[in-house]
């Protein structure tokens, strides 16, 4: 499910305004532009930012839980390398079950779970 074209809120904070913004990695490296917000199909809660990663020429899903919006700068706790090595996303269509499982396995490994 997507948030494109409509406002989605989580705990009274909108994530709609993140579309088109530039995401920076933990070391302040520029990652790319936020293209979409992917939500949980069951409850509509935003879970991923779909980012057009400049250095690898493709879309990557970055966990929204690691994203911070401070002083007008959008950043994540993840490194550029971690994001670049994450599973690519074919397009902005809703994630299939296998794609979501692959993403969860990858990001859980990065987080040390």
N, C-alpha and C. Protein backbone atom coordinates (compact mmCIF):
# COMPACT_ATOMS: atom_id res chain seq x y z
N UNK A 1 0.86 -1.17 0.00
CA UNK A 1 0.00 0.00 0.00
C UNK A 1 0.90 1.23 0.00
N UNK A 2 0.44 2.31 -0.58
CA UNK A 2 1.25 3.51 -0.72
C UNK A 2 0.58 4.72 -0.07
N UNK A 3 1.42 5.69 0.25
CA UNK A 3 0.92 6.94 0.81
C UNK A 3 0.94 8.05 -0.23
N UNK A 4 1.41 7.76 -1.42
CA UNK A 4 1.52 8.78 -2.45
C UNK A 4 0.16 9.42 -2.73
N UNK A 5 0.13 10.75 -2.73
CA UNK A 5 -1.08 11.47 -3.08
C UNK A 5 -2.05 11.67 -1.95
N UNK A 6 -1.74 11.17 -0.78
CA UNK A 6 -2.62 11.40 0.36
C UNK A 6 -1.77 11.46 1.61
N UNK A 7 -2.32 12.03 2.64
CA UNK A 7 -1.57 12.19 3.87
C UNK A 7 -1.76 10.98 4.77
N UNK A 8 -0.66 10.49 5.31
CA UNK A 8 -0.68 9.38 6.24
C UNK A 8 -0.06 9.87 7.54
N UNK A 9 -0.69 9.58 8.64
CA UNK A 9 -0.15 10.03 9.92
C UNK A 9 0.16 8.84 10.82
N UNK A 10 1.19 9.00 11.61
CA UNK A 10 1.58 8.02 12.61
C UNK A 10 1.78 8.78 13.90
N UNK A 11 1.03 8.43 14.92
CA UNK A 11 1.15 9.11 16.21
C UNK A 11 1.14 10.63 16.03
N UNK A 12 0.22 11.11 15.23
CA UNK A 12 0.00 12.53 14.96
C UNK A 12 1.09 13.20 14.15
N UNK A 13 2.08 12.44 13.66
CA UNK A 13 3.11 13.04 12.82
C UNK A 13 2.95 12.55 11.39
N UNK A 14 2.80 13.48 10.47
CA UNK A 14 2.61 13.13 9.07
C UNK A 14 3.92 12.67 8.44
N UNK A 15 3.84 11.65 7.58
CA UNK A 15 5.01 11.24 6.82
C UNK A 15 4.88 11.64 5.36
N UNK A 16 3.73 12.19 4.98
CA UNK A 16 3.49 12.61 3.61
C UNK A 16 4.52 13.65 3.16
N UNK A 17 4.91 14.53 4.06
CA UNK A 17 5.85 15.61 3.73
C UNK A 17 7.26 15.10 3.42
N UNK A 18 7.54 13.83 3.63
CA UNK A 18 8.86 13.28 3.36
C UNK A 18 9.08 12.99 1.88
N UNK A 19 7.99 12.87 1.11
CA UNK A 19 8.11 12.58 -0.31
C UNK A 19 8.90 13.67 -1.02
N UNK A 20 9.90 13.24 -1.82
CA UNK A 20 10.73 14.18 -2.56
C UNK A 20 11.92 14.71 -1.78
N UNK A 21 11.93 14.49 -0.47
CA UNK A 21 13.05 14.96 0.35
C UNK A 21 14.28 14.08 0.15
N UNK A 22 15.45 14.63 0.41
CA UNK A 22 16.70 13.88 0.31
C UNK A 22 17.01 13.21 1.64
N UNK A 23 17.32 11.92 1.58
CA UNK A 23 17.69 11.16 2.77
C UNK A 23 19.21 11.09 2.86
N UNK A 24 19.73 11.32 4.07
CA UNK A 24 21.17 11.22 4.33
C UNK A 24 21.43 10.04 5.25
N UNK A 25 22.59 9.40 5.06
CA UNK A 25 22.98 8.26 5.89
C UNK A 25 23.53 8.74 7.23
N UNK A 26 23.87 7.78 8.07
CA UNK A 26 24.37 8.09 9.42
C UNK A 26 25.59 9.00 9.38
N UNK A 27 26.44 8.87 8.36
CA UNK A 27 27.64 9.69 8.26
C UNK A 27 27.40 10.97 7.45
N UNK A 28 26.15 11.29 7.21
CA UNK A 28 25.72 12.48 6.47
C UNK A 28 25.90 12.34 4.96
N UNK A 29 26.24 11.15 4.47
CA UNK A 29 26.33 10.91 3.03
C UNK A 29 24.94 11.04 2.42
N UNK A 30 24.88 11.64 1.24
CA UNK A 30 23.60 11.76 0.53
C UNK A 30 23.24 10.40 -0.04
N UNK A 31 22.04 9.92 0.28
CA UNK A 31 21.57 8.63 -0.22
C UNK A 31 20.73 8.81 -1.47
N UNK A 32 19.70 9.63 -1.41
CA UNK A 32 18.83 9.85 -2.55
C UNK A 32 17.49 10.41 -2.11
N UNK A 33 16.60 10.54 -3.07
CA UNK A 33 15.29 11.15 -2.82
C UNK A 33 14.25 10.11 -2.41
N UNK A 34 13.40 10.48 -1.47
CA UNK A 34 12.30 9.63 -1.04
C UNK A 34 11.23 9.66 -2.13
N UNK A 35 10.90 8.49 -2.69
CA UNK A 35 9.92 8.39 -3.77
C UNK A 35 8.54 7.97 -3.29
N UNK A 36 8.50 7.24 -2.17
CA UNK A 36 7.21 6.74 -1.70
C UNK A 36 7.34 6.32 -0.24
N UNK A 37 6.22 6.14 0.39
CA UNK A 37 6.14 5.60 1.75
C UNK A 37 5.32 4.33 1.64
N UNK A 38 5.91 3.21 2.06
CA UNK A 38 5.22 1.93 2.00
C UNK A 38 4.64 1.62 3.37
N UNK A 39 3.39 1.21 3.37
CA UNK A 39 2.68 0.95 4.62
C UNK A 39 2.36 -0.52 4.78
N UNK A 40 2.10 -0.92 6.00
CA UNK A 40 1.67 -2.28 6.29
C UNK A 40 0.30 -2.50 5.66
N UNK A 41 0.16 -3.59 4.91
CA UNK A 41 -1.10 -3.86 4.21
C UNK A 41 -2.25 -4.14 5.17
N UNK A 42 -1.94 -4.63 6.35
CA UNK A 42 -3.00 -4.98 7.31
C UNK A 42 -3.53 -3.79 8.10
N UNK A 43 -2.62 -2.90 8.52
CA UNK A 43 -3.07 -1.81 9.40
C UNK A 43 -2.80 -0.40 8.87
N UNK A 44 -2.14 -0.29 7.71
CA UNK A 44 -1.90 1.01 7.09
C UNK A 44 -0.82 1.85 7.75
N UNK A 45 -0.09 1.28 8.69
CA UNK A 45 0.98 2.02 9.37
C UNK A 45 2.21 2.09 8.47
N UNK A 46 2.75 3.29 8.25
CA UNK A 46 3.97 3.44 7.44
C UNK A 46 5.14 2.67 8.05
N UNK A 47 5.85 1.90 7.21
CA UNK A 47 6.97 1.10 7.70
C UNK A 47 8.27 1.35 6.95
N UNK A 48 8.19 1.74 5.68
CA UNK A 48 9.39 1.86 4.86
C UNK A 48 9.36 3.17 4.07
N UNK A 49 10.54 3.74 3.87
CA UNK A 49 10.70 4.82 2.89
C UNK A 49 11.29 4.19 1.65
N UNK A 50 10.69 4.41 0.52
CA UNK A 50 11.23 3.93 -0.74
C UNK A 50 12.11 5.04 -1.30
N UNK A 51 13.42 4.78 -1.37
CA UNK A 51 14.40 5.81 -1.71
C UNK A 51 15.08 5.47 -3.03
N UNK A 52 15.18 6.46 -3.91
CA UNK A 52 15.90 6.32 -5.18
C UNK A 52 17.37 6.57 -4.88
N UNK A 53 18.13 5.49 -4.67
CA UNK A 53 19.52 5.58 -4.25
C UNK A 53 20.40 5.94 -5.43
N UNK A 54 20.99 7.11 -5.36
CA UNK A 54 21.78 7.66 -6.45
C UNK A 54 22.98 6.79 -6.81
N UNK A 55 23.72 6.30 -5.82
CA UNK A 55 24.98 5.60 -6.07
C UNK A 55 24.81 4.21 -6.68
N UNK A 56 23.65 3.59 -6.54
CA UNK A 56 23.43 2.26 -7.12
C UNK A 56 22.33 2.26 -8.16
N UNK A 57 21.82 3.41 -8.47
CA UNK A 57 20.79 3.56 -9.51
C UNK A 57 19.63 2.60 -9.32
N UNK A 58 18.97 2.74 -8.21
CA UNK A 58 17.81 1.89 -7.98
C UNK A 58 17.09 2.26 -6.70
N UNK A 59 15.93 1.64 -6.55
CA UNK A 59 15.10 1.89 -5.37
C UNK A 59 15.46 0.92 -4.25
N UNK A 60 15.51 1.47 -3.03
CA UNK A 60 15.75 0.66 -1.84
C UNK A 60 14.71 1.05 -0.79
N UNK A 61 14.28 0.07 0.00
CA UNK A 61 13.34 0.32 1.09
C UNK A 61 14.15 0.47 2.38
N UNK A 62 14.02 1.63 3.01
CA UNK A 62 14.73 1.93 4.26
C UNK A 62 13.71 1.93 5.39
N UNK A 63 13.98 1.21 6.48
CA UNK A 63 13.02 1.18 7.59
C UNK A 63 12.74 2.59 8.12
N UNK A 64 11.48 2.93 8.20
CA UNK A 64 11.09 4.25 8.70
C UNK A 64 11.51 4.42 10.16
N UNK A 65 11.59 3.32 10.89
CA UNK A 65 11.97 3.39 12.31
C UNK A 65 13.35 3.99 12.52
N UNK A 66 14.23 3.91 11.53
CA UNK A 66 15.57 4.46 11.67
C UNK A 66 15.73 5.86 11.12
N UNK A 67 14.63 6.49 10.71
CA UNK A 67 14.69 7.81 10.05
C UNK A 67 14.36 8.92 11.04
N UNK A 68 15.15 9.99 10.96
CA UNK A 68 14.94 11.17 11.80
C UNK A 68 14.81 12.41 10.93
N UNK A 69 13.93 13.30 11.34
CA UNK A 69 13.73 14.58 10.65
C UNK A 69 14.07 15.67 11.65
N UNK A 70 15.29 16.19 11.57
CA UNK A 70 15.75 17.16 12.55
C UNK A 70 16.29 18.40 11.84
N UNK A 71 15.80 19.54 12.25
CA UNK A 71 16.26 20.82 11.70
C UNK A 71 16.18 20.86 10.18
N UNK A 72 15.13 20.25 9.63
CA UNK A 72 14.93 20.26 8.19
C UNK A 72 15.77 19.26 7.42
N UNK A 73 16.56 18.45 8.12
CA UNK A 73 17.41 17.46 7.48
C UNK A 73 16.87 16.06 7.78
N UNK A 74 16.71 15.27 6.73
CA UNK A 74 16.19 13.92 6.85
C UNK A 74 17.37 12.95 6.87
N UNK A 75 17.51 12.19 7.95
CA UNK A 75 18.64 11.28 8.06
C UNK A 75 18.19 9.94 8.64
N UNK A 76 19.05 8.95 8.49
CA UNK A 76 18.79 7.62 9.01
C UNK A 76 19.96 7.17 9.86
N UNK A 77 19.71 6.22 10.73
CA UNK A 77 20.77 5.67 11.57
C UNK A 77 21.61 4.65 10.82
N UNK A 78 21.18 4.28 9.61
CA UNK A 78 21.90 3.29 8.83
C UNK A 78 22.99 3.95 7.98
N UNK A 79 24.02 3.18 7.66
CA UNK A 79 25.12 3.70 6.85
C UNK A 79 24.75 3.64 5.36
N UNK A 80 25.48 4.40 4.57
CA UNK A 80 25.27 4.38 3.12
C UNK A 80 25.50 2.98 2.57
N UNK A 81 26.53 2.30 3.06
CA UNK A 81 26.85 0.96 2.60
C UNK A 81 25.73 -0.02 2.92
N UNK A 82 25.15 0.08 4.10
CA UNK A 82 24.04 -0.81 4.48
C UNK A 82 22.85 -0.60 3.56
N UNK A 83 22.56 0.63 3.23
CA UNK A 83 21.43 0.93 2.35
C UNK A 83 21.71 0.47 0.93
N UNK A 84 22.92 0.72 0.44
CA UNK A 84 23.28 0.33 -0.92
C UNK A 84 23.24 -1.19 -1.10
N UNK A 85 23.60 -1.94 -0.07
CA UNK A 85 23.63 -3.41 -0.15
C UNK A 85 22.27 -4.04 0.12
N UNK A 86 21.28 -3.25 0.51
CA UNK A 86 19.96 -3.81 0.81
C UNK A 86 19.30 -4.32 -0.47
N UNK A 87 18.33 -5.23 -0.33
CA UNK A 87 17.66 -5.79 -1.51
C UNK A 87 17.00 -4.69 -2.35
N UNK A 88 17.22 -4.72 -3.66
CA UNK A 88 16.58 -3.73 -4.53
C UNK A 88 15.07 -3.96 -4.62
N UNK A 89 14.36 -2.87 -4.87
CA UNK A 89 12.92 -2.92 -5.06
C UNK A 89 12.66 -2.65 -6.54
N UNK A 90 11.89 -3.53 -7.18
CA UNK A 90 11.68 -3.44 -8.62
C UNK A 90 10.97 -2.16 -9.04
N UNK A 91 9.93 -1.78 -8.34
CA UNK A 91 9.19 -0.56 -8.67
C UNK A 91 8.38 -0.15 -7.45
N UNK A 92 7.49 0.80 -7.61
CA UNK A 92 6.73 1.30 -6.47
C UNK A 92 5.42 0.55 -6.22
N UNK A 93 5.26 -0.59 -6.86
CA UNK A 93 4.06 -1.40 -6.61
C UNK A 93 4.11 -1.92 -5.18
N UNK A 94 2.98 -2.29 -4.61
CA UNK A 94 3.01 -2.84 -3.26
C UNK A 94 3.97 -4.03 -3.17
N UNK A 95 4.66 -4.13 -2.05
CA UNK A 95 5.60 -5.23 -1.85
C UNK A 95 4.87 -6.56 -1.80
N UNK A 96 5.42 -7.53 -2.50
CA UNK A 96 4.90 -8.88 -2.38
C UNK A 96 5.41 -9.49 -1.08
N UNK A 97 4.82 -10.59 -0.68
CA UNK A 97 5.18 -11.24 0.58
C UNK A 97 6.65 -11.63 0.60
N UNK A 98 7.15 -12.21 -0.49
CA UNK A 98 8.55 -12.64 -0.53
C UNK A 98 9.50 -11.44 -0.49
N UNK A 99 9.16 -10.36 -1.17
CA UNK A 99 9.99 -9.16 -1.12
C UNK A 99 10.04 -8.59 0.29
N UNK A 100 8.90 -8.58 0.96
CA UNK A 100 8.87 -8.07 2.32
C UNK A 100 9.68 -8.96 3.26
N UNK A 101 9.59 -10.26 3.10
CA UNK A 101 10.38 -11.18 3.93
C UNK A 101 11.87 -10.97 3.71
N UNK A 102 12.28 -10.79 2.45
CA UNK A 102 13.69 -10.55 2.13
C UNK A 102 14.18 -9.27 2.79
N UNK A 103 13.37 -8.22 2.75
CA UNK A 103 13.74 -6.96 3.40
C UNK A 103 13.86 -7.12 4.92
N UNK A 104 12.89 -7.79 5.50
CA UNK A 104 12.90 -7.99 6.96
C UNK A 104 14.12 -8.80 7.40
N UNK A 105 14.46 -9.85 6.64
CA UNK A 105 15.65 -10.64 6.97
C UNK A 105 16.90 -9.78 6.89
N UNK A 106 17.03 -9.00 5.84
CA UNK A 106 18.22 -8.16 5.66
C UNK A 106 18.34 -7.14 6.79
N UNK A 107 17.30 -6.37 7.05
CA UNK A 107 17.39 -5.31 8.05
C UNK A 107 17.48 -5.87 9.47
N UNK A 108 16.89 -7.02 9.75
CA UNK A 108 17.06 -7.64 11.06
C UNK A 108 18.52 -8.07 11.26
N UNK A 109 19.17 -8.56 10.21
CA UNK A 109 20.57 -8.94 10.28
C UNK A 109 21.44 -7.70 10.56
N UNK A 110 21.17 -6.61 9.88
CA UNK A 110 21.92 -5.36 10.07
C UNK A 110 21.75 -4.87 11.50
N UNK A 111 20.56 -4.99 12.04
CA UNK A 111 20.28 -4.52 13.40
C UNK A 111 20.83 -5.46 14.47
N UNK A 112 21.33 -6.62 14.05
CA UNK A 112 21.90 -7.57 15.01
C UNK A 112 20.89 -8.44 15.71
N UNK A 113 19.76 -8.66 15.07
CA UNK A 113 18.73 -9.51 15.68
C UNK A 113 18.94 -10.95 15.30
